N, C-alpha and C. Protein backbone atom coordinates (compact mmCIF):
# COMPACT_ATOMS: atom_id res chain seq x y z
N MET A 1 -3.52 15.71 13.36
CA MET A 1 -2.75 15.14 12.29
C MET A 1 -1.40 15.84 12.12
N GLY A 2 -1.34 16.92 12.58
CA GLY A 2 -0.02 17.76 12.51
C GLY A 2 1.00 17.00 13.43
N GLN A 3 0.47 16.66 14.67
CA GLN A 3 1.34 15.94 15.58
C GLN A 3 1.73 14.55 15.05
N ALA A 4 0.87 13.93 14.42
CA ALA A 4 1.07 12.65 13.75
C ALA A 4 2.13 12.63 12.74
N VAL A 5 2.13 13.69 11.87
CA VAL A 5 3.15 14.08 10.95
C VAL A 5 4.42 14.16 11.49
N LEU A 6 4.58 15.06 12.64
CA LEU A 6 5.82 15.19 13.29
C LEU A 6 6.35 13.92 13.81
N GLN A 7 5.47 13.03 14.26
CA GLN A 7 5.95 11.77 14.88
C GLN A 7 6.56 10.88 13.77
N VAL A 8 5.85 10.79 12.52
CA VAL A 8 6.35 10.00 11.53
C VAL A 8 7.76 10.60 11.09
N LEU A 9 8.02 11.80 11.06
CA LEU A 9 9.27 12.48 10.67
C LEU A 9 10.38 12.16 11.70
N ALA A 10 9.97 12.11 12.98
CA ALA A 10 10.92 11.86 14.09
C ALA A 10 11.28 10.38 13.99
N ASN A 11 10.47 9.47 13.45
CA ASN A 11 10.66 8.00 13.50
C ASN A 11 11.55 7.71 12.21
N GLU A 12 11.65 8.62 11.28
CA GLU A 12 12.32 8.20 10.13
C GLU A 12 13.91 8.37 10.25
N THR A 13 14.58 7.41 9.65
CA THR A 13 16.07 7.47 9.66
C THR A 13 16.77 8.14 8.67
N GLU A 14 15.94 8.34 7.49
CA GLU A 14 16.69 9.01 6.39
C GLU A 14 16.25 10.56 6.50
N HIS A 15 17.04 11.30 5.77
CA HIS A 15 16.75 12.78 5.64
C HIS A 15 15.30 12.83 4.97
N THR A 16 14.50 13.60 5.39
CA THR A 16 13.13 13.62 4.78
C THR A 16 13.17 14.85 3.85
N GLY A 17 13.94 15.80 3.97
CA GLY A 17 13.84 17.09 3.01
C GLY A 17 12.66 17.79 3.13
N VAL A 18 11.77 17.60 4.31
CA VAL A 18 10.60 18.34 4.65
C VAL A 18 10.63 18.74 6.00
N PRO A 19 11.29 20.05 6.11
CA PRO A 19 11.34 20.66 7.44
C PRO A 19 10.02 21.10 8.02
N ILE A 20 9.90 21.23 9.29
CA ILE A 20 8.71 21.80 9.87
C ILE A 20 8.83 23.01 10.49
N ALA A 21 8.11 24.11 10.11
CA ALA A 21 8.33 25.42 10.68
C ALA A 21 7.32 25.69 11.73
N ARG A 22 7.73 25.96 12.94
CA ARG A 22 6.86 26.22 14.04
C ARG A 22 6.85 27.80 14.12
N ALA A 23 5.99 28.48 13.46
CA ALA A 23 6.04 29.89 13.40
C ALA A 23 4.69 30.36 12.87
N HIS A 24 4.46 31.71 13.06
CA HIS A 24 3.22 32.23 12.52
C HIS A 24 3.55 32.58 11.05
N ALA A 25 2.54 32.48 10.29
CA ALA A 25 2.62 32.80 8.91
C ALA A 25 3.39 33.97 8.55
N THR A 26 3.26 35.04 9.30
CA THR A 26 3.82 36.37 8.97
C THR A 26 5.36 36.33 9.13
N VAL A 27 5.78 35.44 9.91
CA VAL A 27 7.36 35.40 10.10
C VAL A 27 8.04 34.19 9.36
N VAL A 28 7.24 33.39 8.68
CA VAL A 28 7.81 32.37 7.94
C VAL A 28 8.62 32.89 6.80
N THR A 29 9.83 32.53 6.54
CA THR A 29 10.51 33.16 5.27
C THR A 29 10.97 32.13 4.23
N GLU A 30 10.89 30.79 4.65
CA GLU A 30 11.22 29.68 3.76
C GLU A 30 10.59 28.40 4.13
N LEU A 31 10.09 27.65 3.24
CA LEU A 31 9.52 26.35 3.33
C LEU A 31 9.82 25.46 2.15
N ASP A 32 10.08 24.23 2.30
CA ASP A 32 10.32 23.29 1.23
C ASP A 32 8.92 22.91 0.74
N VAL A 33 8.07 22.54 1.76
CA VAL A 33 6.70 22.22 1.41
C VAL A 33 5.68 22.86 2.51
N LEU A 34 4.60 23.28 2.08
CA LEU A 34 3.55 23.60 3.16
C LEU A 34 2.39 22.66 3.20
N VAL A 35 2.29 22.06 4.29
CA VAL A 35 1.31 20.98 4.52
C VAL A 35 0.16 21.48 5.34
N ASP A 36 -1.20 21.48 4.77
CA ASP A 36 -2.15 22.00 5.44
C ASP A 36 -3.19 21.02 5.85
N PHE A 37 -3.25 20.65 7.13
CA PHE A 37 -4.22 19.80 7.77
C PHE A 37 -5.17 20.58 8.59
N SER A 38 -5.55 21.77 8.22
CA SER A 38 -6.26 22.49 9.19
C SER A 38 -7.87 22.54 8.77
N LEU A 39 -8.37 23.71 8.63
CA LEU A 39 -9.84 23.83 8.33
C LEU A 39 -10.01 24.61 6.93
N PRO A 40 -11.09 24.46 6.27
CA PRO A 40 -11.38 25.28 5.13
C PRO A 40 -11.34 26.76 5.36
N GLN A 41 -11.46 27.26 6.60
CA GLN A 41 -11.59 28.62 6.77
C GLN A 41 -10.05 29.10 6.71
N ALA A 42 -9.10 28.41 6.88
CA ALA A 42 -7.64 28.76 6.84
C ALA A 42 -7.04 28.50 5.42
N LEU A 43 -7.70 28.09 4.60
CA LEU A 43 -7.12 27.81 3.18
C LEU A 43 -6.65 28.98 2.57
N ALA A 44 -7.40 30.09 2.49
CA ALA A 44 -7.00 31.38 1.80
C ALA A 44 -5.77 31.80 2.34
N ASP A 45 -5.58 31.88 3.78
CA ASP A 45 -4.30 32.34 4.32
C ASP A 45 -3.14 31.48 4.03
N ASN A 46 -3.28 30.03 3.92
CA ASN A 46 -2.28 29.08 3.60
C ASN A 46 -1.88 29.15 2.18
N MET A 47 -2.84 29.43 1.27
CA MET A 47 -2.50 29.59 -0.07
C MET A 47 -1.70 30.89 -0.33
N ALA A 48 -1.97 31.81 0.40
CA ALA A 48 -1.31 33.23 0.23
C ALA A 48 0.12 32.90 0.71
N LEU A 49 0.31 32.15 1.73
CA LEU A 49 1.63 32.00 2.23
C LEU A 49 2.43 31.26 1.26
N ALA A 50 1.93 30.11 0.75
CA ALA A 50 2.67 29.31 -0.30
C ALA A 50 2.91 30.09 -1.46
N LYS A 51 2.05 30.97 -1.89
CA LYS A 51 2.42 31.93 -3.27
C LYS A 51 3.37 32.85 -2.74
N ARG A 52 3.46 33.47 -1.48
CA ARG A 52 4.45 34.41 -1.24
C ARG A 52 5.89 33.83 -1.05
N LEU A 53 5.85 32.55 -0.64
CA LEU A 53 7.11 31.93 -0.53
C LEU A 53 7.52 30.99 -1.68
N HIS A 54 6.70 31.01 -2.51
CA HIS A 54 6.68 30.18 -3.82
C HIS A 54 7.24 28.79 -3.52
N CYS A 55 6.45 28.23 -2.61
CA CYS A 55 6.66 26.71 -2.14
C CYS A 55 5.54 25.83 -2.57
N PRO A 56 5.81 24.45 -2.77
CA PRO A 56 4.80 23.60 -3.06
C PRO A 56 3.64 23.64 -1.78
N LEU A 57 2.38 23.30 -2.19
CA LEU A 57 1.44 23.27 -1.25
C LEU A 57 0.57 21.97 -1.24
N LEU A 58 0.56 21.23 -0.03
CA LEU A 58 -0.10 20.07 0.04
C LEU A 58 -1.17 20.19 0.89
N VAL A 59 -2.47 20.23 0.47
CA VAL A 59 -3.67 20.53 1.11
C VAL A 59 -4.45 19.14 1.44
N CYS A 60 -4.54 18.92 2.79
CA CYS A 60 -5.27 17.65 3.18
C CYS A 60 -6.49 17.95 4.02
N THR A 61 -7.11 19.12 3.68
CA THR A 61 -8.34 19.48 4.31
C THR A 61 -9.60 19.19 3.60
N THR A 62 -10.60 18.44 4.26
CA THR A 62 -11.72 18.00 3.54
C THR A 62 -12.86 19.24 3.70
N GLY A 63 -14.02 19.05 3.05
CA GLY A 63 -14.97 19.95 3.24
C GLY A 63 -14.75 21.26 2.46
N LEU A 64 -13.87 21.38 1.37
CA LEU A 64 -13.70 22.56 0.72
C LEU A 64 -14.99 22.83 -0.27
N THR A 65 -15.12 23.98 -0.43
CA THR A 65 -16.17 24.52 -1.42
C THR A 65 -15.66 24.25 -2.91
N GLU A 66 -16.59 24.29 -3.86
CA GLU A 66 -16.08 24.21 -5.31
C GLU A 66 -15.22 25.36 -5.76
N GLN A 67 -15.52 26.53 -5.03
CA GLN A 67 -14.69 27.76 -5.29
C GLN A 67 -13.32 27.56 -4.81
N GLN A 68 -13.27 26.98 -3.66
CA GLN A 68 -11.87 26.81 -3.06
C GLN A 68 -11.00 25.69 -3.84
N ARG A 69 -11.64 24.71 -4.31
CA ARG A 69 -11.03 23.68 -5.22
C ARG A 69 -10.58 24.28 -6.51
N GLN A 70 -11.33 25.14 -7.02
CA GLN A 70 -10.94 25.96 -8.21
C GLN A 70 -9.78 26.90 -7.86
N GLY A 71 -9.79 27.50 -6.85
CA GLY A 71 -8.66 28.26 -6.46
C GLY A 71 -7.47 27.47 -6.29
N LEU A 72 -7.53 26.26 -5.77
CA LEU A 72 -6.29 25.33 -5.82
C LEU A 72 -5.82 25.04 -7.24
N VAL A 73 -6.78 24.81 -8.18
CA VAL A 73 -6.33 24.44 -9.44
C VAL A 73 -5.66 25.70 -10.12
N GLU A 74 -6.20 26.92 -9.90
CA GLU A 74 -5.53 27.99 -10.49
C GLU A 74 -4.25 28.22 -9.79
N LEU A 75 -4.02 27.98 -8.45
CA LEU A 75 -2.74 28.19 -7.87
C LEU A 75 -1.63 27.21 -8.54
N GLY A 76 -2.14 26.09 -9.02
CA GLY A 76 -1.38 25.12 -9.61
C GLY A 76 -0.81 25.43 -10.80
N GLN A 77 -1.23 26.61 -11.48
CA GLN A 77 -0.52 27.28 -12.68
C GLN A 77 0.74 28.06 -12.18
N GLN A 78 0.95 28.17 -10.92
CA GLN A 78 2.07 29.04 -10.37
C GLN A 78 3.02 28.00 -9.62
N LEU A 79 2.42 27.10 -8.91
CA LEU A 79 3.08 26.30 -7.91
C LEU A 79 2.82 24.94 -8.11
N PRO A 80 3.45 23.87 -7.57
CA PRO A 80 3.11 22.57 -7.36
C PRO A 80 2.04 22.36 -6.21
N VAL A 81 0.81 22.04 -6.57
CA VAL A 81 -0.22 21.95 -5.61
C VAL A 81 -0.85 20.48 -5.59
N LEU A 82 -0.93 19.97 -4.59
CA LEU A 82 -1.70 18.71 -4.48
C LEU A 82 -2.72 18.66 -3.45
N TYR A 83 -3.96 18.30 -3.84
CA TYR A 83 -5.06 18.36 -3.03
C TYR A 83 -5.38 16.78 -2.65
N ALA A 84 -5.32 16.50 -1.47
CA ALA A 84 -5.71 15.14 -1.20
C ALA A 84 -6.79 15.05 -0.09
N GLU A 85 -7.87 14.67 -0.54
CA GLU A 85 -9.05 14.36 0.47
C GLU A 85 -8.73 13.36 1.33
N ASN A 86 -7.72 12.45 1.03
CA ASN A 86 -7.40 11.40 1.87
C ASN A 86 -5.77 11.09 1.58
N THR A 87 -5.02 11.07 2.49
CA THR A 87 -3.54 10.90 2.22
C THR A 87 -3.11 9.43 2.28
N SER A 88 -4.10 8.59 2.47
CA SER A 88 -3.75 7.04 2.56
C SER A 88 -3.33 6.69 1.15
N ILE A 89 -2.18 5.86 1.21
CA ILE A 89 -1.76 5.33 -0.16
C ILE A 89 -2.65 4.30 -0.68
N GLY A 90 -3.37 3.56 0.26
CA GLY A 90 -4.34 2.64 -0.12
C GLY A 90 -5.55 3.23 -0.98
N ILE A 91 -5.94 4.49 -0.39
CA ILE A 91 -7.15 5.11 -0.93
C ILE A 91 -6.82 5.65 -2.41
N ALA A 92 -5.46 6.04 -2.54
CA ALA A 92 -4.90 6.66 -3.82
C ALA A 92 -5.04 5.38 -4.87
N LEU A 93 -4.51 4.18 -4.41
CA LEU A 93 -4.69 3.14 -5.34
C LEU A 93 -6.15 2.66 -5.59
N LEU A 94 -6.98 2.80 -4.59
CA LEU A 94 -8.30 2.48 -4.77
C LEU A 94 -8.95 3.33 -5.74
N ALA A 95 -8.72 4.65 -5.81
CA ALA A 95 -9.31 5.56 -6.71
C ALA A 95 -8.95 5.23 -8.19
N ASP A 96 -7.65 4.66 -8.24
CA ASP A 96 -7.21 4.33 -9.69
C ASP A 96 -7.97 2.98 -10.04
N LEU A 97 -8.13 2.00 -9.29
CA LEU A 97 -8.87 0.86 -9.35
C LEU A 97 -10.32 1.08 -9.80
N VAL A 98 -10.97 2.05 -9.11
CA VAL A 98 -12.40 2.41 -9.31
C VAL A 98 -12.49 2.98 -10.66
N GLN A 99 -11.59 3.96 -10.99
CA GLN A 99 -11.53 4.53 -12.33
C GLN A 99 -11.64 3.56 -13.41
N GLN A 100 -10.68 2.51 -13.38
CA GLN A 100 -10.58 1.41 -14.31
C GLN A 100 -11.76 0.56 -14.46
N ALA A 101 -12.34 0.24 -13.21
CA ALA A 101 -13.49 -0.68 -13.12
C ALA A 101 -14.70 0.15 -13.71
N SER A 102 -14.82 1.46 -13.47
CA SER A 102 -15.96 2.28 -13.84
C SER A 102 -15.95 2.39 -15.53
N ARG A 103 -14.64 2.55 -15.96
CA ARG A 103 -14.61 2.46 -17.53
C ARG A 103 -14.94 1.37 -18.14
N LEU A 104 -14.67 0.15 -17.54
CA LEU A 104 -15.13 -1.16 -18.11
C LEU A 104 -16.45 -1.63 -17.81
N LEU A 105 -16.84 -1.12 -16.71
CA LEU A 105 -18.30 -1.59 -16.21
C LEU A 105 -19.35 -0.29 -16.40
N SER A 106 -19.28 0.31 -17.53
CA SER A 106 -20.00 1.47 -17.76
C SER A 106 -21.67 1.23 -17.50
N GLU A 107 -22.08 0.08 -17.52
CA GLU A 107 -23.48 -0.24 -17.44
C GLU A 107 -23.86 -0.47 -16.00
N ALA A 108 -22.94 -0.52 -15.02
CA ALA A 108 -23.19 -0.91 -13.71
C ALA A 108 -23.61 0.23 -12.93
N ASP A 109 -24.67 0.12 -11.93
CA ASP A 109 -25.07 1.00 -11.11
C ASP A 109 -23.99 1.16 -10.02
N VAL A 110 -23.65 2.27 -9.48
CA VAL A 110 -22.62 2.62 -8.53
C VAL A 110 -23.26 3.05 -7.15
N ASP A 111 -22.78 2.48 -6.01
CA ASP A 111 -23.08 2.94 -4.71
C ASP A 111 -21.80 3.01 -3.96
N ILE A 112 -21.83 4.05 -2.96
CA ILE A 112 -20.52 4.21 -2.22
C ILE A 112 -20.98 4.27 -0.71
N ILE A 113 -20.35 3.35 0.03
CA ILE A 113 -20.63 3.28 1.61
C ILE A 113 -19.52 4.05 2.32
N ASP A 114 -19.95 4.94 3.05
CA ASP A 114 -18.93 5.85 3.78
C ASP A 114 -19.13 5.88 5.29
N LEU A 115 -18.14 5.22 6.00
CA LEU A 115 -18.19 4.95 7.47
C LEU A 115 -17.13 5.83 8.09
N HIS A 116 -17.59 6.70 9.07
CA HIS A 116 -16.58 7.41 9.80
C HIS A 116 -17.08 7.49 11.46
N HIS A 117 -16.25 7.98 12.29
CA HIS A 117 -16.70 8.24 13.62
C HIS A 117 -17.72 9.33 13.75
N LYS A 118 -18.38 9.36 14.87
CA LYS A 118 -19.50 10.22 15.03
C LYS A 118 -19.17 11.60 14.98
N HIS A 119 -17.96 12.08 15.08
CA HIS A 119 -17.66 13.49 15.08
C HIS A 119 -17.14 14.02 13.82
N LYS A 120 -17.12 13.25 12.70
CA LYS A 120 -16.87 13.42 11.43
C LYS A 120 -17.93 14.62 10.93
N ARG A 121 -17.26 15.65 10.45
CA ARG A 121 -18.22 16.89 10.11
C ARG A 121 -18.75 16.76 8.75
N ASP A 122 -18.07 16.40 7.63
CA ASP A 122 -18.78 16.43 6.45
C ASP A 122 -19.35 14.98 6.07
N ALA A 123 -20.39 14.89 5.35
CA ALA A 123 -21.16 13.73 4.91
C ALA A 123 -21.84 14.09 3.66
N PRO A 124 -21.47 13.32 2.63
CA PRO A 124 -20.50 12.32 2.55
C PRO A 124 -19.08 12.90 2.59
N SER A 125 -18.07 12.03 2.93
CA SER A 125 -16.75 12.56 3.15
C SER A 125 -16.10 12.99 1.94
N GLY A 126 -14.93 13.70 2.06
CA GLY A 126 -14.21 14.11 0.91
C GLY A 126 -13.57 12.82 0.22
N THR A 127 -13.33 11.94 0.98
CA THR A 127 -12.82 10.62 0.25
C THR A 127 -14.01 10.08 -0.59
N ALA A 128 -15.30 9.90 0.01
CA ALA A 128 -16.19 9.31 -0.75
C ALA A 128 -16.55 10.12 -2.13
N LYS A 129 -16.36 11.40 -1.87
CA LYS A 129 -16.53 12.39 -3.17
C LYS A 129 -15.39 12.13 -4.17
N ARG A 130 -14.21 11.83 -3.73
CA ARG A 130 -13.03 11.61 -4.44
C ARG A 130 -13.25 10.31 -5.25
N LEU A 131 -13.80 9.32 -4.53
CA LEU A 131 -14.08 8.02 -5.24
C LEU A 131 -15.12 8.10 -6.31
N ALA A 132 -16.08 8.95 -5.93
CA ALA A 132 -17.34 9.31 -6.90
C ALA A 132 -16.67 10.00 -8.17
N ALA A 133 -15.66 10.86 -7.91
CA ALA A 133 -15.03 11.54 -9.16
C ALA A 133 -14.34 10.55 -9.93
N ALA A 134 -13.65 9.62 -9.28
CA ALA A 134 -12.93 8.52 -9.95
C ALA A 134 -13.92 7.63 -10.97
N VAL A 135 -15.10 7.47 -10.39
CA VAL A 135 -15.98 6.88 -11.17
C VAL A 135 -16.34 7.63 -12.55
N GLU A 136 -16.66 8.90 -12.23
CA GLU A 136 -17.01 9.80 -13.45
C GLU A 136 -15.76 9.86 -14.40
N GLN A 137 -14.65 10.01 -13.83
CA GLN A 137 -13.33 10.16 -14.70
C GLN A 137 -13.22 8.99 -15.56
N GLY A 138 -13.58 7.67 -14.99
CA GLY A 138 -13.58 6.43 -15.77
C GLY A 138 -14.56 6.50 -16.87
N ARG A 139 -15.72 6.92 -16.65
CA ARG A 139 -16.77 7.03 -17.67
C ARG A 139 -16.80 8.35 -18.50
N GLY A 140 -16.08 9.20 -18.10
CA GLY A 140 -16.17 10.43 -18.89
C GLY A 140 -17.43 11.17 -18.93
N GLU A 141 -18.22 11.06 -17.97
CA GLU A 141 -19.35 11.71 -17.95
C GLU A 141 -20.00 11.70 -16.54
N LYS A 142 -21.02 12.55 -16.27
CA LYS A 142 -21.59 12.74 -14.99
C LYS A 142 -22.39 11.32 -14.78
N THR A 143 -22.30 10.94 -13.46
CA THR A 143 -22.88 9.56 -13.05
C THR A 143 -23.75 9.84 -11.88
N GLU A 144 -24.91 9.17 -11.90
CA GLU A 144 -25.72 9.06 -10.55
C GLU A 144 -25.23 8.07 -9.65
N ILE A 145 -24.84 8.57 -8.51
CA ILE A 145 -24.04 7.75 -7.58
C ILE A 145 -24.94 7.66 -6.18
N GLU A 146 -25.35 6.76 -5.64
CA GLU A 146 -25.97 6.67 -4.30
C GLU A 146 -25.02 6.61 -3.29
N TYR A 147 -25.07 7.34 -2.01
CA TYR A 147 -24.26 7.23 -0.87
C TYR A 147 -25.19 6.66 0.30
N ALA A 148 -24.36 5.88 0.99
CA ALA A 148 -24.81 5.37 2.20
C ALA A 148 -23.83 5.85 3.35
N VAL A 149 -24.15 6.84 4.13
CA VAL A 149 -23.31 7.46 5.01
C VAL A 149 -23.67 7.00 6.54
N VAL A 150 -22.55 6.63 7.19
CA VAL A 150 -22.80 6.24 8.66
C VAL A 150 -21.74 6.97 9.50
N ARG A 151 -22.06 7.62 10.53
CA ARG A 151 -21.39 8.29 11.47
C ARG A 151 -21.77 7.74 12.85
N ALA A 152 -20.74 6.84 13.28
CA ALA A 152 -20.95 6.09 14.50
C ALA A 152 -19.59 5.72 15.25
N GLY A 153 -19.80 5.72 16.59
CA GLY A 153 -18.52 5.28 17.41
C GLY A 153 -17.25 5.98 17.08
N ASP A 154 -16.12 5.05 17.06
CA ASP A 154 -14.82 5.66 16.70
C ASP A 154 -14.33 5.11 15.38
N ILE A 155 -15.09 4.89 14.43
CA ILE A 155 -14.59 4.35 13.25
C ILE A 155 -13.60 5.38 12.47
N ILE A 156 -12.46 4.91 12.28
CA ILE A 156 -11.49 5.80 11.70
C ILE A 156 -11.89 6.24 10.20
N GLY A 157 -12.21 5.22 9.52
CA GLY A 157 -12.61 5.45 8.13
C GLY A 157 -12.67 4.10 7.31
N GLU A 158 -13.76 3.96 6.72
CA GLU A 158 -13.96 2.76 5.86
C GLU A 158 -14.80 3.14 4.59
N HIS A 159 -14.48 2.81 3.45
CA HIS A 159 -15.15 3.17 2.18
C HIS A 159 -15.28 1.90 1.39
N THR A 160 -16.49 1.81 0.72
CA THR A 160 -16.68 0.75 -0.11
C THR A 160 -17.23 1.27 -1.35
N VAL A 161 -16.93 0.79 -2.60
CA VAL A 161 -17.50 1.21 -3.78
C VAL A 161 -18.07 0.10 -4.40
N LEU A 162 -19.43 0.00 -4.64
CA LEU A 162 -20.12 -1.20 -5.27
C LEU A 162 -20.44 -0.97 -6.78
N PHE A 163 -20.07 -1.80 -7.59
CA PHE A 163 -20.59 -1.78 -9.00
C PHE A 163 -21.61 -2.97 -9.06
N ASN A 164 -22.83 -2.63 -9.20
CA ASN A 164 -23.99 -3.59 -9.27
C ASN A 164 -24.39 -3.98 -10.80
N LEU A 165 -24.19 -5.18 -10.95
CA LEU A 165 -24.61 -5.67 -12.37
C LEU A 165 -25.85 -6.77 -12.16
N PRO A 166 -26.48 -7.08 -13.18
CA PRO A 166 -27.44 -8.13 -13.08
C PRO A 166 -26.86 -9.48 -12.73
N GLY A 167 -27.17 -9.90 -11.51
CA GLY A 167 -26.76 -11.27 -11.10
C GLY A 167 -25.37 -11.24 -10.50
N GLU A 168 -24.63 -10.12 -10.30
CA GLU A 168 -23.31 -10.13 -9.67
C GLU A 168 -22.96 -8.69 -9.19
N ARG A 169 -22.12 -8.60 -8.30
CA ARG A 169 -21.67 -7.29 -7.66
C ARG A 169 -20.16 -7.35 -7.36
N LEU A 170 -19.49 -6.22 -7.77
CA LEU A 170 -18.20 -6.18 -7.54
C LEU A 170 -18.02 -4.99 -6.53
N GLU A 171 -17.13 -5.37 -5.50
CA GLU A 171 -16.91 -4.32 -4.19
C GLU A 171 -15.38 -4.11 -4.10
N PHE A 172 -15.15 -2.83 -3.79
CA PHE A 172 -13.82 -2.37 -3.57
C PHE A 172 -13.96 -1.76 -2.18
N THR A 173 -13.15 -2.21 -1.20
CA THR A 173 -13.30 -1.85 0.09
C THR A 173 -11.90 -1.38 0.62
N HIS A 174 -11.87 -0.25 1.39
CA HIS A 174 -10.63 0.15 2.08
C HIS A 174 -10.90 0.44 3.49
N LYS A 175 -10.10 -0.11 4.49
CA LYS A 175 -10.39 0.15 5.82
C LYS A 175 -9.09 0.68 6.53
N VAL A 176 -9.23 1.57 7.44
CA VAL A 176 -8.11 2.20 8.07
C VAL A 176 -8.17 1.80 9.64
N SER A 177 -7.14 1.24 10.18
CA SER A 177 -7.25 0.82 11.56
C SER A 177 -6.27 1.75 12.32
N GLU A 178 -5.57 2.82 11.81
CA GLU A 178 -4.71 3.63 12.70
C GLU A 178 -4.53 5.01 11.99
N ARG A 179 -4.64 6.15 12.70
CA ARG A 179 -4.47 7.44 12.05
C ARG A 179 -3.14 7.65 11.42
N ALA A 180 -2.13 6.96 11.85
CA ALA A 180 -0.81 7.12 11.41
C ALA A 180 -0.68 6.94 9.88
N VAL A 181 -1.62 6.07 9.37
CA VAL A 181 -1.65 5.82 7.93
C VAL A 181 -1.72 7.24 7.20
N PHE A 182 -2.59 8.07 7.64
CA PHE A 182 -2.58 9.40 6.89
C PHE A 182 -1.42 10.19 7.09
N ALA A 183 -0.84 10.14 8.17
CA ALA A 183 0.49 10.95 8.30
C ALA A 183 1.60 10.42 7.44
N ARG A 184 1.72 9.05 7.40
CA ARG A 184 2.74 8.43 6.56
C ARG A 184 2.60 8.77 5.11
N GLY A 185 1.34 8.69 4.76
CA GLY A 185 1.04 9.22 3.19
C GLY A 185 1.21 10.65 3.02
N ALA A 186 0.96 11.37 4.00
CA ALA A 186 1.26 12.84 3.82
C ALA A 186 2.68 13.20 3.59
N VAL A 187 3.56 12.48 4.46
CA VAL A 187 4.92 12.70 4.46
C VAL A 187 5.54 12.29 3.12
N ARG A 188 5.05 11.14 2.59
CA ARG A 188 5.44 10.58 1.27
C ARG A 188 4.95 11.58 0.17
N ALA A 189 3.84 12.26 0.24
CA ALA A 189 3.24 13.05 -0.75
C ALA A 189 4.19 14.39 -0.65
N ALA A 190 4.36 14.85 0.48
CA ALA A 190 5.13 16.02 0.61
C ALA A 190 6.59 15.94 -0.10
N LYS A 191 7.28 14.67 0.08
CA LYS A 191 8.58 14.50 -0.43
C LYS A 191 8.34 14.43 -2.03
N TRP A 192 7.37 13.82 -2.43
CA TRP A 192 7.08 13.70 -3.91
C TRP A 192 6.75 15.01 -4.48
N LEU A 193 5.95 15.86 -3.92
CA LEU A 193 5.56 17.26 -4.33
C LEU A 193 6.61 18.06 -4.47
N SER A 194 7.71 18.01 -3.60
CA SER A 194 8.78 18.93 -3.63
C SER A 194 9.61 18.78 -4.73
N GLU A 195 9.44 17.65 -5.48
CA GLU A 195 10.23 17.38 -6.70
C GLU A 195 9.52 17.58 -7.97
N GLN A 196 8.27 18.17 -7.75
CA GLN A 196 7.44 18.33 -9.12
C GLN A 196 7.45 19.72 -9.59
N ALA A 197 7.14 19.88 -10.84
CA ALA A 197 6.97 21.15 -11.50
C ALA A 197 5.57 21.73 -11.03
N GLN A 198 5.37 22.97 -11.58
CA GLN A 198 4.13 23.51 -11.22
C GLN A 198 2.80 22.72 -11.90
N GLY A 199 1.80 22.70 -11.12
CA GLY A 199 0.73 21.84 -11.58
C GLY A 199 -0.11 21.49 -10.51
N PHE A 200 -1.33 21.04 -10.79
CA PHE A 200 -2.43 20.63 -9.69
C PHE A 200 -2.39 18.92 -9.92
N TYR A 201 -2.16 18.37 -8.66
CA TYR A 201 -2.03 16.97 -8.55
C TYR A 201 -2.94 16.40 -7.62
N HIS A 202 -3.28 14.99 -7.68
CA HIS A 202 -3.85 14.20 -6.73
C HIS A 202 -2.88 13.10 -6.16
N MET A 203 -3.38 12.45 -5.13
CA MET A 203 -2.53 11.39 -4.64
C MET A 203 -2.18 10.27 -5.72
N ALA A 204 -3.20 9.97 -6.45
CA ALA A 204 -3.05 8.91 -7.61
C ALA A 204 -1.93 9.34 -8.63
N ASP A 205 -1.53 10.59 -8.74
CA ASP A 205 -0.38 11.01 -9.63
C ASP A 205 0.88 10.54 -9.03
N MET A 206 0.93 10.54 -7.82
CA MET A 206 2.19 10.03 -7.08
C MET A 206 2.49 8.67 -7.41
N LEU A 207 1.54 7.70 -7.73
CA LEU A 207 1.77 6.34 -7.90
C LEU A 207 2.06 6.01 -9.32
N ARG A 208 1.91 6.91 -10.17
CA ARG A 208 2.30 6.63 -11.61
C ARG A 208 3.63 6.82 -12.02
């Protein structure tokens, strides 16, 4: 994903305002935005670097523990921090739609179908969990949600949220056909985050 982000930046004609630093953390002295597409094990070091440089932090790593998530929320009291389980603009919009539907269809049973390639490490995915969180945000309470998880072939990512009512069913589906979607979303999010005040954000905040 780091290479994909570099490619998006190289293809843009306008000034991005998001420079890329090719250096070890110990020698970086200035960043406009720190974008983390690595692994949960690297989060602590990346948070420390963002804090040291007092720069916005965009975390695009899934599989974080609840303690790590809470650490990002706390860091947001000092810096602009955006945690994106999925940097697709479509998923950000989907989360908003799911939240609205959940509020209006509070009596519906909810299921989430989560499809990824066979090498995907976490199940359910961070995106599936984000959509589940949108359901609970819409209802304002803990909700029992069933997951159907498929890890097969080279599926990049497909997610469906089903609202099941007597005699009818409402489905929201998002499908990704190329990984560049995530890179484009990350660049857009980094630009947006560079202009925000301290706080903890999600991709959906960028659309409002």
